[in-house]
N, C-alpha and C. Protein backbone atom coordinates (compact mmCIF):
# COMPACT_ATOMS: atom_id res chain seq x y z
N MET A 1 -86.44 71.36 -129.45
CA MET A 1 -85.01 71.76 -129.57
C MET A 1 -84.20 71.12 -128.51
N SER A 2 -83.07 70.52 -128.92
CA SER A 2 -82.19 69.81 -127.86
C SER A 2 -81.45 70.96 -127.21
N ASP A 3 -80.90 70.43 -126.00
CA ASP A 3 -80.23 71.42 -125.12
C ASP A 3 -78.92 71.95 -125.84
N SER A 4 -78.32 71.15 -126.81
CA SER A 4 -77.09 71.58 -127.56
C SER A 4 -77.44 72.74 -128.51
N ASN A 5 -78.68 72.75 -128.92
CA ASN A 5 -79.10 73.79 -129.99
C ASN A 5 -79.79 75.05 -129.23
N MET A 6 -79.95 74.98 -127.99
CA MET A 6 -80.58 76.15 -127.25
C MET A 6 -79.58 77.32 -127.30
N PRO A 7 -80.07 78.50 -127.48
CA PRO A 7 -79.27 79.70 -127.45
C PRO A 7 -78.75 79.97 -126.00
N PRO A 8 -77.63 80.52 -125.84
CA PRO A 8 -77.06 80.81 -124.51
C PRO A 8 -77.99 81.70 -123.76
N ALA A 9 -78.19 81.36 -122.42
CA ALA A 9 -79.02 82.21 -121.64
C ALA A 9 -78.44 83.59 -121.38
N PRO A 10 -79.32 84.61 -121.22
CA PRO A 10 -78.69 85.93 -121.01
C PRO A 10 -77.87 85.97 -119.72
N PHE A 11 -76.75 86.77 -119.71
CA PHE A 11 -75.99 86.90 -118.58
C PHE A 11 -76.51 88.06 -117.72
N ARG A 12 -76.59 87.72 -116.34
CA ARG A 12 -76.97 88.67 -115.37
C ARG A 12 -75.73 89.51 -114.98
N ASP A 13 -74.52 88.90 -115.09
CA ASP A 13 -73.30 89.52 -114.74
C ASP A 13 -72.55 89.77 -115.96
N LEU A 14 -72.44 91.12 -116.44
CA LEU A 14 -71.69 91.45 -117.51
C LEU A 14 -70.22 91.19 -117.49
N GLN A 15 -69.60 91.33 -116.27
CA GLN A 15 -68.25 91.10 -116.04
C GLN A 15 -67.91 89.53 -116.27
N ALA A 16 -68.79 88.58 -115.87
CA ALA A 16 -68.58 87.29 -116.11
C ALA A 16 -68.60 86.93 -117.63
N LEU A 17 -69.52 87.54 -118.37
CA LEU A 17 -69.56 87.38 -119.80
C LEU A 17 -68.24 87.92 -120.45
N LEU A 18 -67.82 89.04 -119.99
CA LEU A 18 -66.56 89.60 -120.52
C LEU A 18 -65.42 88.74 -120.33
N ARG A 19 -65.32 88.16 -119.05
CA ARG A 19 -64.17 87.27 -118.72
C ARG A 19 -64.27 86.03 -119.60
N GLU A 20 -65.59 85.52 -119.83
CA GLU A 20 -65.62 84.31 -120.67
C GLU A 20 -65.20 84.69 -122.07
N LEU A 21 -65.64 85.73 -122.64
CA LEU A 21 -65.19 86.20 -123.99
C LEU A 21 -63.70 86.33 -124.16
N GLU A 22 -63.14 86.93 -123.09
CA GLU A 22 -61.74 87.18 -123.09
C GLU A 22 -60.98 85.82 -123.15
N GLN A 23 -61.36 85.01 -122.23
CA GLN A 23 -60.64 83.58 -122.30
C GLN A 23 -60.81 82.85 -123.55
N GLU A 24 -62.11 82.90 -124.07
CA GLU A 24 -62.33 82.18 -125.26
C GLU A 24 -61.52 82.83 -126.45
N GLY A 25 -61.49 84.14 -126.48
CA GLY A 25 -60.73 84.66 -127.51
C GLY A 25 -59.30 84.46 -127.48
N GLN A 26 -58.71 84.48 -126.38
CA GLN A 26 -57.32 84.10 -126.25
C GLN A 26 -56.94 82.76 -126.76
N ALA A 27 -57.82 81.74 -126.19
CA ALA A 27 -57.62 80.28 -126.58
C ALA A 27 -57.89 80.24 -128.21
N HIS A 28 -58.87 80.85 -128.69
CA HIS A 28 -59.15 80.81 -130.18
C HIS A 28 -57.92 81.31 -130.98
N ASP A 29 -57.55 82.51 -130.63
CA ASP A 29 -56.36 83.16 -131.40
C ASP A 29 -55.11 82.26 -131.29
N ALA A 30 -54.83 81.62 -130.18
CA ALA A 30 -53.67 80.83 -129.87
C ALA A 30 -53.67 79.66 -130.85
N ALA A 31 -54.90 79.22 -131.18
CA ALA A 31 -54.96 77.98 -132.02
C ALA A 31 -55.02 78.23 -133.54
N GLN A 32 -54.94 79.59 -133.91
CA GLN A 32 -55.09 79.98 -135.37
C GLN A 32 -53.61 80.22 -135.87
N SER A 33 -53.45 79.73 -137.05
CA SER A 33 -52.20 79.95 -137.71
C SER A 33 -52.23 81.24 -138.65
N GLU A 34 -53.40 81.49 -139.15
CA GLU A 34 -53.59 82.65 -139.99
C GLU A 34 -54.14 83.78 -139.29
N HIS A 35 -53.53 85.05 -139.55
CA HIS A 35 -53.90 86.20 -138.77
C HIS A 35 -55.33 86.53 -139.08
N ARG A 36 -55.92 86.43 -140.27
CA ARG A 36 -57.16 86.71 -140.65
C ARG A 36 -58.21 86.03 -139.89
N ASN A 37 -57.88 84.82 -139.43
CA ASN A 37 -58.83 84.05 -138.73
C ASN A 37 -58.97 84.30 -137.17
N LYS A 38 -58.11 85.23 -136.62
CA LYS A 38 -58.11 85.56 -135.30
C LYS A 38 -59.14 86.55 -134.98
N ARG A 39 -59.63 86.58 -133.72
CA ARG A 39 -60.62 87.58 -133.26
C ARG A 39 -59.94 88.74 -132.92
N LEU A 40 -58.78 88.85 -132.44
CA LEU A 40 -57.96 89.99 -132.09
C LEU A 40 -58.74 91.07 -131.24
N ASN A 41 -59.39 90.46 -130.25
CA ASN A 41 -60.16 91.26 -129.37
C ASN A 41 -59.18 92.19 -128.53
N LEU A 42 -59.74 93.37 -128.15
CA LEU A 42 -59.07 94.43 -127.35
C LEU A 42 -58.70 93.66 -126.07
N GLU A 43 -57.54 94.04 -125.47
CA GLU A 43 -57.12 93.59 -124.22
C GLU A 43 -57.96 94.21 -123.10
N ALA A 44 -58.32 93.48 -122.11
CA ALA A 44 -59.22 94.00 -121.13
C ALA A 44 -58.81 95.22 -120.44
N PRO A 45 -57.47 95.44 -120.09
CA PRO A 45 -57.13 96.67 -119.55
C PRO A 45 -57.29 97.83 -120.54
N THR A 46 -57.10 97.64 -121.75
CA THR A 46 -57.36 98.69 -122.79
C THR A 46 -58.83 99.06 -122.90
N ALA A 47 -59.67 97.89 -122.86
CA ALA A 47 -61.10 98.12 -122.91
C ALA A 47 -61.63 98.82 -121.75
N ARG A 48 -61.05 98.59 -120.59
CA ARG A 48 -61.39 99.33 -119.35
C ARG A 48 -61.04 100.76 -119.47
N LEU A 49 -59.89 101.03 -119.94
CA LEU A 49 -59.51 102.42 -120.02
C LEU A 49 -60.41 103.19 -121.07
N LEU A 50 -60.72 102.56 -122.24
CA LEU A 50 -61.61 103.10 -123.20
C LEU A 50 -62.94 103.37 -122.56
N GLN A 51 -63.50 102.54 -121.74
CA GLN A 51 -64.78 102.72 -121.17
C GLN A 51 -64.69 103.94 -120.18
N LEU A 52 -63.64 103.95 -119.36
CA LEU A 52 -63.36 105.12 -118.38
C LEU A 52 -63.29 106.49 -119.17
N LEU A 53 -62.66 106.54 -120.31
CA LEU A 53 -62.55 107.66 -121.08
C LEU A 53 -63.92 108.15 -121.50
N LEU A 54 -64.67 107.28 -122.09
CA LEU A 54 -66.05 107.66 -122.57
C LEU A 54 -66.91 108.08 -121.34
N LEU A 55 -66.83 107.38 -120.25
CA LEU A 55 -67.63 107.84 -119.11
C LEU A 55 -67.28 109.07 -118.53
N SER A 56 -65.93 109.35 -118.39
CA SER A 56 -65.53 110.56 -117.77
C SER A 56 -65.74 111.79 -118.67
N GLY A 57 -65.60 111.54 -120.12
CA GLY A 57 -65.84 112.58 -121.05
C GLY A 57 -67.22 112.74 -121.39
N ARG A 58 -68.17 111.92 -120.75
CA ARG A 58 -69.57 111.90 -121.09
C ARG A 58 -69.90 111.86 -122.58
N ARG A 59 -69.21 111.03 -123.31
CA ARG A 59 -69.43 110.87 -124.73
C ARG A 59 -70.83 110.34 -125.02
N ARG A 60 -71.55 110.93 -126.00
CA ARG A 60 -72.86 110.50 -126.26
C ARG A 60 -73.10 109.91 -127.61
N ARG A 61 -72.25 110.18 -128.55
CA ARG A 61 -72.38 109.65 -129.88
C ARG A 61 -70.99 108.98 -130.29
N VAL A 62 -70.94 107.66 -130.24
CA VAL A 62 -69.71 106.96 -130.43
C VAL A 62 -69.82 106.04 -131.66
N LEU A 63 -68.73 105.99 -132.44
CA LEU A 63 -68.55 105.17 -133.57
C LEU A 63 -67.38 104.26 -133.36
N GLU A 64 -67.60 102.97 -133.54
CA GLU A 64 -66.54 101.99 -133.52
C GLU A 64 -66.32 101.44 -134.90
N ILE A 65 -65.13 101.36 -135.41
CA ILE A 65 -64.72 100.71 -136.66
C ILE A 65 -63.97 99.47 -136.49
N GLY A 66 -64.58 98.32 -136.55
CA GLY A 66 -64.02 96.94 -136.18
C GLY A 66 -64.66 96.44 -135.04
N THR A 67 -65.68 95.60 -135.14
CA THR A 67 -66.48 95.06 -134.13
C THR A 67 -65.91 93.72 -133.67
N SER A 68 -65.48 92.92 -134.66
CA SER A 68 -65.12 91.51 -134.30
C SER A 68 -66.33 90.83 -133.63
N ASN A 69 -66.09 90.07 -132.56
CA ASN A 69 -67.31 89.50 -131.88
C ASN A 69 -67.95 90.31 -130.77
N GLY A 70 -67.64 91.53 -130.84
CA GLY A 70 -68.40 92.50 -129.89
C GLY A 70 -67.73 92.66 -128.50
N PHE A 71 -66.51 92.20 -128.25
CA PHE A 71 -65.93 92.31 -126.89
C PHE A 71 -65.81 93.84 -126.58
N SER A 72 -65.15 94.64 -127.37
CA SER A 72 -65.07 96.02 -127.15
C SER A 72 -66.38 96.85 -127.26
N ALA A 73 -67.32 96.36 -127.98
CA ALA A 73 -68.61 96.99 -128.14
C ALA A 73 -69.44 96.78 -126.88
N LEU A 74 -69.16 95.72 -126.07
CA LEU A 74 -69.73 95.53 -124.89
C LEU A 74 -69.40 96.54 -123.83
N TRP A 75 -68.07 96.86 -123.84
CA TRP A 75 -67.58 97.88 -122.87
C TRP A 75 -68.21 99.19 -123.19
N ILE A 76 -68.18 99.48 -124.54
CA ILE A 76 -68.67 100.80 -124.95
C ILE A 76 -70.15 100.99 -124.76
N ALA A 77 -70.92 100.02 -125.09
CA ALA A 77 -72.38 100.06 -124.82
C ALA A 77 -72.73 100.14 -123.36
N ASP A 78 -71.95 99.45 -122.55
CA ASP A 78 -72.20 99.53 -121.07
C ASP A 78 -71.89 100.94 -120.59
N ALA A 79 -70.92 101.69 -121.24
CA ALA A 79 -70.62 103.06 -120.81
C ALA A 79 -71.77 103.95 -121.28
N LEU A 80 -72.21 103.72 -122.55
CA LEU A 80 -73.29 104.56 -123.06
C LEU A 80 -74.53 104.63 -122.30
N ARG A 81 -74.89 103.47 -121.85
CA ARG A 81 -76.25 103.32 -121.13
C ARG A 81 -76.23 104.04 -119.84
N ARG A 82 -75.08 104.35 -119.42
CA ARG A 82 -74.92 105.04 -118.09
C ARG A 82 -74.86 106.70 -118.25
N ILE A 83 -74.76 107.10 -119.57
CA ILE A 83 -74.63 108.52 -119.80
C ILE A 83 -75.86 109.24 -120.22
N PRO A 84 -76.41 110.10 -119.43
CA PRO A 84 -77.71 110.80 -119.89
C PRO A 84 -77.61 111.34 -121.27
N GLY A 85 -78.64 111.11 -122.05
CA GLY A 85 -78.72 111.65 -123.37
C GLY A 85 -77.83 110.96 -124.45
N ALA A 86 -77.12 109.78 -124.08
CA ALA A 86 -76.35 109.12 -125.02
C ALA A 86 -77.28 108.29 -126.01
N ARG A 87 -76.72 108.13 -127.23
CA ARG A 87 -77.25 107.29 -128.22
C ARG A 87 -76.54 105.96 -128.30
N PRO A 88 -77.25 105.03 -128.95
CA PRO A 88 -76.54 103.73 -129.10
C PRO A 88 -75.26 103.76 -129.92
N LEU A 89 -74.34 102.98 -129.58
CA LEU A 89 -73.09 102.83 -130.41
C LEU A 89 -73.40 102.39 -131.79
N ILE A 90 -72.72 103.01 -132.72
CA ILE A 90 -72.68 102.44 -134.10
C ILE A 90 -71.25 101.74 -134.21
N THR A 91 -71.38 100.46 -134.54
CA THR A 91 -70.08 99.67 -134.78
C THR A 91 -70.18 98.82 -136.02
N ILE A 92 -69.05 98.83 -136.74
CA ILE A 92 -68.97 98.37 -138.12
C ILE A 92 -68.10 97.13 -138.26
N GLU A 93 -68.57 96.14 -138.80
CA GLU A 93 -67.76 94.88 -139.04
C GLU A 93 -68.11 94.39 -140.44
N ARG A 94 -67.03 94.04 -141.12
CA ARG A 94 -67.22 93.56 -142.48
C ARG A 94 -67.37 91.99 -142.70
N ASP A 95 -67.15 91.15 -141.58
CA ASP A 95 -67.28 89.80 -141.67
C ASP A 95 -68.65 89.39 -141.13
N PRO A 96 -69.45 88.61 -141.91
CA PRO A 96 -70.80 88.41 -141.47
C PRO A 96 -70.89 87.46 -140.15
N ALA A 97 -69.97 86.41 -140.09
CA ALA A 97 -69.96 85.59 -138.97
C ALA A 97 -69.63 86.42 -137.66
N ARG A 98 -68.64 87.19 -137.78
CA ARG A 98 -68.24 88.09 -136.66
C ARG A 98 -69.37 89.09 -136.18
N ALA A 99 -70.02 89.59 -137.11
CA ALA A 99 -71.05 90.59 -136.84
C ALA A 99 -72.27 89.86 -136.22
N GLU A 100 -72.58 88.69 -136.66
CA GLU A 100 -73.65 87.94 -136.01
C GLU A 100 -73.26 87.41 -134.59
N ALA A 101 -72.05 87.15 -134.34
CA ALA A 101 -71.46 86.84 -133.00
C ALA A 101 -71.55 87.96 -132.04
N ALA A 102 -71.25 89.16 -132.61
CA ALA A 102 -71.34 90.41 -131.86
C ALA A 102 -72.81 90.61 -131.40
N ARG A 103 -73.71 90.45 -132.31
CA ARG A 103 -75.14 90.70 -131.98
C ARG A 103 -75.57 89.71 -130.91
N ARG A 104 -75.14 88.45 -131.07
CA ARG A 104 -75.51 87.51 -130.01
C ARG A 104 -74.94 87.82 -128.63
N ASN A 105 -73.73 88.34 -128.57
CA ASN A 105 -73.11 88.61 -127.31
C ASN A 105 -73.67 89.83 -126.73
N LEU A 106 -74.13 90.85 -127.56
CA LEU A 106 -74.76 92.02 -127.01
C LEU A 106 -76.11 91.67 -126.49
N ALA A 107 -76.80 90.77 -127.15
CA ALA A 107 -78.18 90.32 -126.62
C ALA A 107 -77.98 89.54 -125.25
N ARG A 108 -76.85 88.75 -125.29
CA ARG A 108 -76.70 88.01 -123.96
C ARG A 108 -76.55 88.99 -122.81
N ALA A 109 -75.95 90.18 -123.02
CA ALA A 109 -75.61 91.03 -121.99
C ALA A 109 -76.78 92.07 -121.86
N ALA A 110 -77.94 91.82 -122.66
CA ALA A 110 -79.01 92.74 -122.57
C ALA A 110 -78.62 94.19 -122.98
N LEU A 111 -77.66 94.28 -123.94
CA LEU A 111 -77.11 95.57 -124.40
C LEU A 111 -77.30 95.72 -125.93
N ASP A 112 -78.21 94.91 -126.40
CA ASP A 112 -78.40 94.95 -127.88
C ASP A 112 -79.20 96.27 -128.28
N ARG A 113 -79.80 96.88 -127.28
CA ARG A 113 -80.52 98.11 -127.60
C ARG A 113 -79.50 99.29 -127.57
N TRP A 114 -78.36 98.97 -127.06
CA TRP A 114 -77.36 100.05 -126.93
C TRP A 114 -76.19 99.98 -128.04
N ALA A 115 -76.39 99.14 -129.01
CA ALA A 115 -75.31 98.91 -130.03
C ALA A 115 -76.07 98.53 -131.37
N ASP A 116 -75.74 99.24 -132.43
CA ASP A 116 -76.25 99.07 -133.79
C ASP A 116 -75.00 98.48 -134.60
N VAL A 117 -75.06 97.18 -134.75
CA VAL A 117 -73.98 96.44 -135.57
C VAL A 117 -74.30 96.56 -137.10
N ARG A 118 -73.41 97.18 -137.77
CA ARG A 118 -73.53 97.36 -139.24
C ARG A 118 -72.60 96.63 -139.89
N LEU A 119 -73.11 95.83 -140.88
CA LEU A 119 -72.28 94.88 -141.72
C LEU A 119 -71.89 95.42 -143.01
N GLY A 120 -70.61 95.38 -143.32
CA GLY A 120 -70.16 95.86 -144.60
C GLY A 120 -68.81 96.53 -144.64
N ASP A 121 -68.45 97.08 -145.82
CA ASP A 121 -67.11 97.73 -145.89
C ASP A 121 -67.11 99.05 -145.08
N ALA A 122 -66.22 99.18 -144.11
CA ALA A 122 -66.17 100.36 -143.16
C ALA A 122 -66.17 101.69 -143.90
N THR A 123 -65.32 101.78 -144.91
CA THR A 123 -65.20 103.06 -145.59
C THR A 123 -66.55 103.39 -146.24
N ALA A 124 -67.15 102.49 -146.97
CA ALA A 124 -68.42 102.78 -147.57
C ALA A 124 -69.45 103.17 -146.63
N ILE A 125 -69.50 102.50 -145.42
CA ILE A 125 -70.48 102.78 -144.45
C ILE A 125 -70.21 104.16 -143.75
N VAL A 126 -69.02 104.43 -143.51
CA VAL A 126 -68.66 105.73 -142.95
C VAL A 126 -69.09 106.82 -143.82
N ALA A 127 -68.95 106.67 -145.25
CA ALA A 127 -69.23 107.72 -146.09
C ALA A 127 -70.77 108.15 -146.06
N GLY A 128 -71.57 107.17 -145.50
CA GLY A 128 -73.03 107.40 -145.49
C GLY A 128 -73.55 107.77 -144.15
N LEU A 129 -72.68 107.96 -143.18
CA LEU A 129 -73.02 108.23 -141.74
C LEU A 129 -73.35 109.79 -141.71
N GLU A 130 -74.27 110.18 -140.93
CA GLU A 130 -74.57 111.55 -140.68
C GLU A 130 -73.74 112.24 -139.46
N GLY A 131 -73.64 111.42 -138.44
CA GLY A 131 -73.08 112.10 -137.34
C GLY A 131 -74.01 113.06 -136.61
N PRO A 132 -73.47 113.93 -135.80
CA PRO A 132 -72.15 114.14 -135.43
C PRO A 132 -71.64 113.17 -134.34
N PHE A 133 -70.31 112.79 -134.30
CA PHE A 133 -69.84 111.93 -133.31
C PHE A 133 -68.83 112.64 -132.39
N ASP A 134 -68.97 112.39 -131.16
CA ASP A 134 -68.02 113.00 -130.18
C ASP A 134 -66.94 111.99 -129.78
N ALA A 135 -66.94 110.73 -130.22
CA ALA A 135 -65.85 109.76 -130.04
C ALA A 135 -65.81 108.77 -131.02
N VAL A 136 -64.68 108.47 -131.68
CA VAL A 136 -64.46 107.45 -132.76
C VAL A 136 -63.42 106.65 -132.26
N PHE A 137 -63.62 105.19 -132.40
CA PHE A 137 -62.64 104.25 -132.01
C PHE A 137 -62.21 103.46 -133.25
N PHE A 138 -60.96 103.63 -133.71
CA PHE A 138 -60.53 102.80 -134.92
C PHE A 138 -59.81 101.59 -134.43
N ASP A 139 -60.43 100.46 -134.76
CA ASP A 139 -59.84 99.19 -134.36
C ASP A 139 -60.08 98.05 -135.43
N ALA A 140 -59.89 98.49 -136.68
CA ALA A 140 -59.97 97.55 -137.84
C ALA A 140 -58.79 97.63 -138.80
N ASP A 141 -58.89 97.91 -139.98
CA ASP A 141 -57.98 98.02 -140.98
C ASP A 141 -57.32 99.34 -140.80
N ARG A 142 -56.02 99.26 -140.28
CA ARG A 142 -55.36 100.48 -139.93
C ARG A 142 -54.93 101.20 -141.20
N VAL A 143 -54.76 100.62 -142.25
CA VAL A 143 -54.38 101.17 -143.55
C VAL A 143 -55.41 102.12 -144.17
N SER A 144 -56.73 101.67 -143.92
CA SER A 144 -57.92 102.40 -144.34
C SER A 144 -58.28 103.56 -143.38
N ALA A 145 -57.64 103.64 -142.23
CA ALA A 145 -58.07 104.57 -141.23
C ALA A 145 -57.95 106.02 -141.73
N PRO A 146 -56.77 106.43 -142.35
CA PRO A 146 -56.73 107.80 -142.69
C PRO A 146 -57.90 108.25 -143.58
N GLY A 147 -58.26 107.48 -144.53
CA GLY A 147 -59.34 107.85 -145.55
C GLY A 147 -60.66 107.85 -144.77
N GLN A 148 -60.82 107.01 -143.78
CA GLN A 148 -62.07 106.99 -142.92
C GLN A 148 -62.06 108.23 -142.10
N LEU A 149 -60.91 108.65 -141.55
CA LEU A 149 -60.93 109.81 -140.85
C LEU A 149 -61.24 111.04 -141.62
N ALA A 150 -60.72 111.04 -142.85
CA ALA A 150 -61.05 112.28 -143.78
C ALA A 150 -62.50 112.27 -144.00
N LEU A 151 -63.17 111.23 -144.15
CA LEU A 151 -64.65 111.24 -144.47
C LEU A 151 -65.38 111.63 -143.20
N LEU A 152 -64.79 111.42 -142.05
CA LEU A 152 -65.65 111.77 -140.74
C LEU A 152 -65.36 113.19 -140.32
N LEU A 153 -64.29 113.79 -140.74
CA LEU A 153 -63.99 115.22 -140.22
C LEU A 153 -65.16 116.16 -140.23
N PRO A 154 -65.96 116.19 -141.36
CA PRO A 154 -67.16 117.15 -141.16
C PRO A 154 -68.36 116.72 -140.25
N ARG A 155 -68.12 115.42 -139.77
CA ARG A 155 -69.18 115.00 -138.87
C ARG A 155 -68.72 114.68 -137.50
N LEU A 156 -67.72 115.40 -137.07
CA LEU A 156 -67.20 115.26 -135.72
C LEU A 156 -67.43 116.46 -134.88
N GLU A 157 -67.81 116.30 -133.51
CA GLU A 157 -68.05 117.32 -132.64
C GLU A 157 -66.71 118.14 -132.48
N GLU A 158 -66.94 119.38 -131.91
CA GLU A 158 -65.82 120.20 -131.68
C GLU A 158 -64.81 119.62 -130.76
N ASP A 159 -65.30 118.91 -129.73
CA ASP A 159 -64.35 118.39 -128.77
C ASP A 159 -64.27 116.85 -128.83
N VAL A 160 -64.24 116.38 -130.08
CA VAL A 160 -64.17 114.89 -130.38
C VAL A 160 -62.95 114.18 -129.78
N LEU A 161 -63.18 113.04 -129.37
CA LEU A 161 -62.11 112.21 -128.87
C LEU A 161 -61.87 111.08 -129.90
N LEU A 162 -60.63 110.96 -130.48
CA LEU A 162 -60.24 109.91 -131.41
C LEU A 162 -59.42 108.86 -130.69
N LEU A 163 -59.64 107.58 -130.80
CA LEU A 163 -58.88 106.57 -130.25
C LEU A 163 -58.56 105.55 -131.32
N ALA A 164 -57.31 104.90 -131.18
CA ALA A 164 -56.94 103.97 -132.09
C ALA A 164 -56.04 102.85 -131.46
N ASP A 165 -56.34 101.59 -131.60
CA ASP A 165 -55.46 100.61 -130.89
C ASP A 165 -54.30 100.24 -131.90
N ASN A 166 -53.39 99.45 -131.29
CA ASN A 166 -52.23 98.87 -132.02
C ASN A 166 -51.17 100.05 -132.32
N ALA A 167 -51.13 101.04 -131.47
CA ALA A 167 -50.21 102.08 -131.80
C ALA A 167 -48.78 101.64 -131.65
N LEU A 168 -48.54 100.67 -130.62
CA LEU A 168 -47.27 100.18 -130.35
C LEU A 168 -47.00 98.85 -131.05
N SER A 169 -47.91 98.06 -131.25
CA SER A 169 -47.74 96.68 -131.80
C SER A 169 -47.60 96.72 -133.37
N HIS A 170 -48.26 97.75 -133.98
CA HIS A 170 -48.19 97.80 -135.42
C HIS A 170 -47.84 99.19 -135.86
N PRO A 171 -46.71 99.75 -135.55
CA PRO A 171 -46.30 101.15 -135.75
C PRO A 171 -46.31 101.48 -137.23
N GLN A 172 -45.86 100.56 -138.10
CA GLN A 172 -45.82 100.87 -139.55
C GLN A 172 -47.22 101.00 -140.14
N GLU A 173 -47.99 100.03 -139.76
CA GLU A 173 -49.40 100.04 -140.32
C GLU A 173 -50.28 101.22 -139.89
N ILE A 174 -50.09 101.74 -138.70
CA ILE A 174 -50.83 102.74 -138.17
C ILE A 174 -50.16 104.20 -138.40
N ALA A 175 -49.07 104.17 -139.09
CA ALA A 175 -48.27 105.40 -139.24
C ALA A 175 -49.02 106.40 -140.05
N GLY A 176 -49.74 105.94 -141.09
CA GLY A 176 -50.49 106.81 -141.87
C GLY A 176 -51.64 107.56 -141.09
N TYR A 177 -52.25 106.84 -140.24
CA TYR A 177 -53.35 107.48 -139.43
C TYR A 177 -52.69 108.42 -138.41
N LEU A 178 -51.61 108.00 -137.78
CA LEU A 178 -51.06 108.97 -136.86
C LEU A 178 -50.61 110.21 -137.38
N GLU A 179 -50.04 110.09 -138.70
CA GLU A 179 -49.61 111.35 -139.38
C GLU A 179 -50.78 112.18 -139.72
N ALA A 180 -51.86 111.57 -140.13
CA ALA A 180 -53.08 112.39 -140.60
C ALA A 180 -53.56 113.04 -139.30
N VAL A 181 -53.69 112.48 -138.20
CA VAL A 181 -54.12 113.16 -136.90
C VAL A 181 -53.23 114.32 -136.60
N GLU A 182 -51.89 114.04 -136.56
CA GLU A 182 -50.96 115.10 -136.26
C GLU A 182 -51.01 116.31 -137.07
N ARG A 183 -51.64 116.16 -138.26
CA ARG A 183 -51.81 117.33 -139.14
C ARG A 183 -53.08 118.09 -138.90
N LEU A 184 -53.94 117.50 -138.06
CA LEU A 184 -55.16 118.25 -137.83
C LEU A 184 -55.01 119.44 -136.73
N PRO A 185 -55.54 120.49 -136.98
CA PRO A 185 -55.33 121.57 -136.03
C PRO A 185 -56.14 121.49 -134.76
N GLY A 186 -55.54 121.91 -133.67
CA GLY A 186 -56.36 121.92 -132.35
C GLY A 186 -56.39 120.61 -131.53
N PHE A 187 -55.61 119.56 -132.02
CA PHE A 187 -55.68 118.26 -131.33
C PHE A 187 -54.44 118.18 -130.48
N VAL A 188 -54.71 117.55 -129.31
CA VAL A 188 -53.54 117.20 -128.49
C VAL A 188 -53.59 115.61 -128.45
N THR A 189 -52.35 114.94 -128.53
CA THR A 189 -52.31 113.54 -128.71
C THR A 189 -51.32 112.85 -127.76
N THR A 190 -51.54 111.61 -127.47
CA THR A 190 -50.63 110.91 -126.67
C THR A 190 -50.76 109.37 -127.04
N VAL A 191 -49.94 108.51 -126.63
CA VAL A 191 -50.09 107.08 -126.64
C VAL A 191 -49.93 106.59 -125.30
N VAL A 192 -50.95 105.80 -124.90
CA VAL A 192 -50.91 105.18 -123.60
C VAL A 192 -50.34 103.65 -123.68
N THR A 193 -49.38 103.43 -122.91
CA THR A 193 -48.72 102.08 -123.00
C THR A 193 -49.56 101.01 -122.19
N VAL A 194 -50.69 100.71 -122.78
CA VAL A 194 -51.62 99.63 -122.26
C VAL A 194 -51.86 98.77 -123.38
N GLY A 195 -51.91 97.46 -123.16
CA GLY A 195 -52.20 96.50 -124.29
C GLY A 195 -51.25 96.67 -125.37
N LYS A 196 -51.81 96.83 -126.58
CA LYS A 196 -51.01 97.01 -127.71
C LYS A 196 -50.68 98.43 -128.16
N GLY A 197 -51.03 99.32 -127.08
CA GLY A 197 -50.82 100.78 -127.34
C GLY A 197 -52.05 101.51 -127.85
N LEU A 198 -52.58 102.31 -126.98
CA LEU A 198 -53.85 103.13 -127.33
C LEU A 198 -53.44 104.57 -127.61
N HIS A 199 -53.79 104.91 -128.86
CA HIS A 199 -53.42 106.31 -129.30
C HIS A 199 -54.67 107.17 -128.95
N LEU A 200 -54.49 108.26 -128.33
CA LEU A 200 -55.57 109.19 -128.02
C LEU A 200 -55.33 110.55 -128.73
N ALA A 201 -56.33 111.06 -129.16
CA ALA A 201 -56.36 112.49 -129.84
C ALA A 201 -57.60 113.18 -129.40
N HIS A 202 -57.43 114.36 -128.76
CA HIS A 202 -58.61 115.11 -128.27
C HIS A 202 -58.57 116.55 -128.85
N ARG A 203 -59.59 116.97 -129.52
CA ARG A 203 -59.69 118.44 -129.95
C ARG A 203 -60.09 119.22 -128.92
N ILE A 204 -59.29 120.15 -128.51
CA ILE A 204 -59.53 121.04 -127.38
C ILE A 204 -60.13 122.43 -127.75
N GLY A 205 -59.83 122.82 -129.06
CA GLY A 205 -60.34 124.00 -129.55
C GLY A 205 -59.74 125.27 -128.93
N ALA A 206 -60.17 126.41 -129.22
CA ALA A 206 -59.59 127.71 -128.65
C ALA A 206 -60.12 127.89 -127.34
N PRO A 207 -59.41 128.49 -126.47
CA PRO A 207 -59.78 128.79 -125.06
C PRO A 207 -60.77 130.05 -125.17
N PRO A 208 -61.70 130.03 -124.16
CA PRO A 208 -62.65 131.09 -124.14
C PRO A 208 -61.92 132.58 -123.98
N ALA A 209 -62.59 133.47 -124.56
CA ALA A 209 -62.02 134.86 -124.53
C ALA A 209 -62.36 135.50 -123.17
N THR A 210 -61.81 135.00 -122.10
CA THR A 210 -62.10 135.68 -120.80
C THR A 210 -60.83 135.90 -120.13
N ARG A 211 -60.78 136.89 -119.25
CA ARG A 211 -59.58 137.23 -118.57
C ARG A 211 -59.54 136.43 -117.21
N PRO A 212 -58.23 136.18 -116.77
CA PRO A 212 -58.23 135.39 -115.46
C PRO A 212 -58.68 136.34 -114.34
N ALA A 213 -59.18 135.69 -113.32
CA ALA A 213 -59.72 136.42 -112.16
C ALA A 213 -58.56 137.15 -111.55
N ARG A 214 -58.89 138.41 -111.17
CA ARG A 214 -57.86 139.25 -110.55
C ARG A 214 -57.75 139.10 -109.07
N ALA A 215 -56.48 138.78 -108.61
CA ALA A 215 -56.26 138.48 -107.23
C ALA A 215 -56.38 139.78 -106.38
N ASP A 216 -56.98 139.71 -105.21
CA ASP A 216 -57.08 140.88 -104.36
C ASP A 216 -55.79 141.20 -103.65
């Protein structure tokens, strides 16, 4: 096998790989005239915030809808491997080439054991998932997100965290999803002005039936 056909060596430094993929993704998308051919990776600041939310909330069962080449999956998988009792990420991608690229990138980072890349139509795959999930990241077809959310509702943990990208960059496309979330009882929501806008929704549930401590 010639050197040009050798697979990339595994990365010892995950941050170096993430920087490489970030730069490659930006250059690739800038050269594409058609939106469908772009990788549309999550911006690094948004990915870092996503990772911090998963780590601080000790999320253990995470679903990602929209893998692309695995840039955001790397951030999520890296978080999950640090959380006791966490399960591998389930991430869904409909494009075979992108799914294969994601698997390669996860393997290069030695994170392939922490991410299960599933190829196919996201809505169909979601319908067959068992759950329960305590975090779901919507980053694919924003028009299909409300239907996917409806399918997932019986499979979400009580304190689930829902995240969706492009809340500011594509307000019309994501409007249906945002309206569906706002109708759900027990959720608090906000939009963080990072990257293209990250929408957060956390189900806090009812407070415990305890009285405040009495001051002496």
